[in-house]
Amino acid sequence: MSNKIPSMQRKRVNRCAYQKKIKLSKANKKTHWAPVWVVLKKLGPGKRAHPSSVTYTKRHWKQIKLKIKPRRQAKKHLG
């Protein structure tokens, strides 16, 4: 016997929540500083600078919120 769940009984994924998670994951990538080798490439090996001076968008997860709303869905009870 296989332990697979029939397709009718599988839990459906809320598409709006899924898109919100995609946006959050993309924004999470913008919370990190640039790598160290980017500073060496931009300013040269003799200069010393913090990687935050090279990063374009600086965002902290606790200070700046994204204000992402899920997409509007059609109401199913109206027909």
C-alpha atoms as a PDB file:
ATOM      1  CA  MET A   1       0.000   0.000   0.000  1.00  0.00           C
ATOM      2  CA  SER A   2       1.231   3.441  -0.794  1.00  0.00           C
ATOM      3  CA  ASN A   3       0.961   6.302   1.672  1.00  0.00           C
ATOM      4  CA  LYS A   4       0.035   8.878  -0.959  1.00  0.00           C
ATOM      5  CA  ILE A   5      -2.892  11.159  -0.213  1.00  0.00           C
ATOM      6  CA  PRO A   6      -5.542  11.315  -2.952  1.00  0.00           C
ATOM      7  CA  SER A   7      -5.633  14.588  -4.862  1.00  0.00           C
ATOM      8  CA  MET A   8      -9.101  15.431  -3.523  1.00  0.00           C
ATOM      9  CA  GLN A   9      -7.940  15.370   0.096  1.00  0.00           C
ATOM     10  CA  ARG A  10      -4.757  17.408  -0.264  1.00  0.00           C
ATOM     11  CA  LYS A  11      -4.712  20.726   1.519  1.00  0.00           C
ATOM     12  CA  ARG A  12      -5.040  23.601  -0.930  1.00  0.00           C
ATOM     13  CA  VAL A  13      -2.420  26.325  -0.781  1.00  0.00           C
ATOM     14  CA  ASN A  14      -3.714  29.853  -0.440  1.00  0.00           C
ATOM     15  CA  ARG A  15      -2.276  31.609  -3.471  1.00  0.00           C
ATOM     16  CA  CYS A  16      -2.356  35.063  -1.853  1.00  0.00           C
ATOM     17  CA  ALA A  17      -0.381  33.916   1.159  1.00  0.00           C
ATOM     18  CA  TYR A  18       2.109  32.198  -1.133  1.00  0.00           C
ATOM     19  CA  GLN A  19       2.711  35.398  -3.128  1.00  0.00           C
ATOM     20  CA  LYS A  20       3.180  37.333   0.087  1.00  0.00           C
ATOM     21  CA  LYS A  21       5.848  34.881   1.182  1.00  0.00           C
ATOM     22  CA  ILE A  22       7.620  35.264  -2.157  1.00  0.00           C
ATOM     23  CA  LYS A  23       7.705  39.051  -1.726  1.00  0.00           C
ATOM     24  CA  LEU A  24       8.975  38.694   1.831  1.00  0.00           C
ATOM     25  CA  SER A  25      11.731  36.323   0.773  1.00  0.00           C
ATOM     26  CA  LYS A  26      12.874  38.692  -1.977  1.00  0.00           C
ATOM     27  CA  ALA A  27      12.907  41.619   0.446  1.00  0.00           C
ATOM     28  CA  ASN A  28      14.835  39.541   2.973  1.00  0.00           C
ATOM     29  CA  LYS A  29      17.734  39.340   0.531  1.00  0.00           C
ATOM     30  CA  LYS A  30      18.042  43.127   0.699  1.00  0.00           C
ATOM     31  CA  THR A  31      18.794  43.129   4.423  1.00  0.00           C
ATOM     32  CA  HIS A  32      22.393  41.960   4.013  1.00  0.00           C
ATOM     33  CA  TRP A  33      25.505  44.001   3.361  1.00  0.00           C
ATOM     34  CA  ALA A  34      27.533  43.654   0.219  1.00  0.00           C
ATOM     35  CA  PRO A  35      30.255  40.995   0.258  1.00  0.00           C
ATOM     36  CA  VAL A  36      33.783  42.020   1.245  1.00  0.00           C
ATOM     37  CA  TRP A  37      35.235  41.380  -2.205  1.00  0.00           C
ATOM     38  CA  VAL A  38      32.916  44.039  -3.687  1.00  0.00           C
ATOM     39  CA  VAL A  39      34.626  46.686  -1.543  1.00  0.00           C
ATOM     40  CA  LEU A  40      38.019  45.530  -2.765  1.00  0.00           C
ATOM     41  CA  LYS A  41      36.826  45.551  -6.373  1.00  0.00           C
ATOM     42  CA  LYS A  42      35.252  49.017  -6.177  1.00  0.00           C
ATOM     43  CA  LEU A  43      37.716  50.924  -4.011  1.00  0.00           C
ATOM     44  CA  GLY A  44      40.929  48.958  -4.594  1.00  0.00           C
ATOM     45  CA  PRO A  45      43.076  46.827  -2.329  1.00  0.00           C
ATOM     46  CA  GLY A  46      44.609  49.766  -0.435  1.00  0.00           C
ATOM     47  CA  LYS A  47      41.337  51.265   0.784  1.00  0.00           C
ATOM     48  CA  ARG A  48      39.429  50.167   3.854  1.00  0.00           C
ATOM     49  CA  ALA A  49      35.697  50.715   3.931  1.00  0.00           C
ATOM     50  CA  HIS A  50      32.709  49.052   5.495  1.00  0.00           C
ATOM     51  CA  PRO A  51      30.573  46.903   3.165  1.00  0.00           C
ATOM     52  CA  SER A  52      27.498  48.947   4.115  1.00  0.00           C
ATOM     53  CA  SER A  53      28.908  51.881   2.142  1.00  0.00           C
ATOM     54  CA  VAL A  54      28.588  49.857  -1.063  1.00  0.00           C
ATOM     55  CA  THR A  55      25.116  48.397  -0.498  1.00  0.00           C
ATOM     56  CA  TYR A  56      22.365  50.116  -2.466  1.00  0.00           C
ATOM     57  CA  THR A  57      19.312  49.389  -0.318  1.00  0.00           C
ATOM     58  CA  LYS A  58      19.758  49.068   3.406  1.00  0.00           C
ATOM     59  CA  ARG A  59      16.783  47.618   5.219  1.00  0.00           C
ATOM     60  CA  HIS A  60      16.398  46.159   8.672  1.00  0.00           C
ATOM     61  CA  TRP A  61      13.606  43.684   9.306  1.00  0.00           C
ATOM     62  CA  LYS A  62      12.626  45.279  12.596  1.00  0.00           C
ATOM     63  CA  GLN A  63      12.808  48.990  11.729  1.00  0.00           C
ATOM     64  CA  ILE A  64      11.371  49.362   8.219  1.00  0.00           C
ATOM     65  CA  LYS A  65       8.245  47.384   7.399  1.00  0.00           C
ATOM     66  CA  LEU A  66       7.261  46.495   3.851  1.00  0.00           C
ATOM     67  CA  LYS A  67       3.484  47.033   4.065  1.00  0.00           C
ATOM     68  CA  ILE A  68       2.680  44.098   1.802  1.00  0.00           C
ATOM     69  CA  LYS A  69      -0.994  43.351   1.358  1.00  0.00           C
ATOM     70  CA  PRO A  70      -2.223  40.109  -0.133  1.00  0.00           C
ATOM     71  CA  ARG A  71      -3.991  40.308  -3.463  1.00  0.00           C
ATOM     72  CA  ARG A  72      -7.743  40.775  -3.424  1.00  0.00           C
ATOM     73  CA  GLN A  73      -9.739  37.669  -4.111  1.00  0.00           C
ATOM     74  CA  ALA A  74     -13.169  37.408  -5.659  1.00  0.00           C
ATOM     75  CA  LYS A  75     -15.855  36.638  -3.126  1.00  0.00           C
ATOM     76  CA  LYS A  76     -17.099  33.122  -3.650  1.00  0.00           C
ATOM     77  CA  HIS A  77     -20.473  33.519  -1.985  1.00  0.00           C
ATOM     78  CA  LEU A  78     -21.742  35.990  -4.612  1.00  0.00           C
ATOM     79  CA  GLY A  79     -21.910  33.373  -7.326  1.00  0.00           C
END
